[in-house]
């Protein structure tokens, strides 16, 4: 996968949204349980609903491109507008 590039989609009642890679790397594992039980994304998004295990290929160069906590909060506020 490549940073900032879609690697899949997630479908809800309202829309289909891209899943965008936060970092570049090799996909080592895909969570098959989420594929068969997509409701886990709502029920346990920070636990059982993990999506991928990725071996980073360029982590040090890409880390500055990631959002910190404050940038993430501001970005989430724009989603409701």
Protein backbone atom coordinates (compact mmCIF):
# COMPACT_ATOMS: atom_id res chain seq x y z
CA UNK A 1 0.00 0.00 0.00
CA UNK A 2 1.04 3.60 -0.51
CA UNK A 3 0.55 6.52 1.88
CA UNK A 4 -2.51 8.66 1.11
CA UNK A 5 -3.77 6.17 -1.49
CA UNK A 6 -7.04 4.22 -1.16
CA UNK A 7 -6.55 0.53 -0.42
CA UNK A 8 -10.21 -0.44 -0.03
CA UNK A 9 -13.69 0.80 0.77
CA UNK A 10 -16.17 0.62 3.60
CA UNK A 11 -19.90 0.75 2.95
CA UNK A 12 -22.56 2.16 5.25
CA UNK A 13 -26.25 2.81 4.81
CA UNK A 14 -25.47 6.35 3.63
CA UNK A 15 -22.28 6.04 1.57
CA UNK A 16 -19.26 4.12 0.34
CA UNK A 17 -16.02 5.63 1.66
CA UNK A 18 -12.41 5.01 0.71
CA UNK A 19 -9.99 3.54 3.22
CA UNK A 20 -6.83 5.60 2.77
CA UNK A 21 -3.43 4.27 3.82
CA UNK A 22 -1.80 6.37 6.55
CA UNK A 23 1.63 4.91 5.69
CA UNK A 24 3.28 3.00 2.86
CA UNK A 25 4.29 -0.60 3.29
CA UNK A 26 3.62 -4.28 2.83
CA UNK A 27 0.33 -5.72 4.05
CA UNK A 28 1.23 -8.63 6.33
CA UNK A 29 -2.24 -9.50 7.58
CA UNK A 30 -5.88 -8.64 6.86
CA UNK A 31 -8.55 -9.01 9.55
CA UNK A 32 -10.85 -11.64 8.03
CA UNK A 33 -13.26 -11.30 10.97
CA UNK A 34 -14.10 -7.72 9.96
CA UNK A 35 -14.68 -8.86 6.39
CA UNK A 36 -17.25 -11.40 7.56
CA UNK A 37 -18.64 -9.22 10.40
CA UNK A 38 -18.49 -5.58 9.24
CA UNK A 39 -20.67 -4.54 12.19
CA UNK A 40 -17.49 -4.77 14.28
CA UNK A 41 -16.46 -1.43 12.79
CA UNK A 42 -19.24 0.18 14.84
CA UNK A 43 -19.18 -2.17 17.82
CA UNK A 44 -15.43 -2.27 18.54
CA UNK A 45 -13.55 0.14 16.22
CA UNK A 46 -10.44 0.33 18.44
CA UNK A 47 -10.32 -3.36 19.33
CA UNK A 48 -11.62 -6.27 17.28
CA UNK A 49 -12.18 -4.13 14.18
CA UNK A 50 -8.54 -3.60 13.27
CA UNK A 51 -8.16 -3.81 9.49
CA UNK A 52 -4.53 -4.43 8.54
CA UNK A 53 -1.09 -5.22 9.87
CA UNK A 54 1.40 -3.26 7.77
CA UNK A 55 5.19 -3.49 7.64
CA UNK A 56 6.21 0.14 6.98
CA UNK A 57 8.52 0.75 4.04
CA UNK A 58 9.34 4.43 4.60
CA UNK A 59 8.11 5.26 8.09
CA UNK A 60 10.61 7.95 9.13
CA UNK A 61 9.98 9.98 5.98
CA UNK A 62 6.20 9.59 6.21
CA UNK A 63 5.68 10.27 9.93
CA UNK A 64 5.65 14.07 9.46
CA UNK A 65 2.70 13.65 7.07
CA UNK A 66 0.48 12.11 9.77
CA UNK A 67 -1.96 14.21 11.80
CA UNK A 68 -1.28 14.81 15.45
CA UNK A 69 -4.11 14.82 17.98
CA UNK A 70 -4.99 18.52 17.55
CA UNK A 71 -5.00 18.33 13.74
CA UNK A 72 -7.21 15.26 13.96
CA UNK A 73 -9.73 17.08 16.17
CA UNK A 74 -9.89 20.00 13.73
CA UNK A 75 -10.29 17.65 10.76
CA UNK A 76 -13.14 15.78 12.47
CA UNK A 77 -14.93 19.08 13.13
CA UNK A 78 -14.95 19.81 9.39
CA UNK A 79 -16.68 16.50 8.64
CA UNK A 80 -19.94 17.67 10.18
CA UNK A 81 -20.16 20.80 8.03
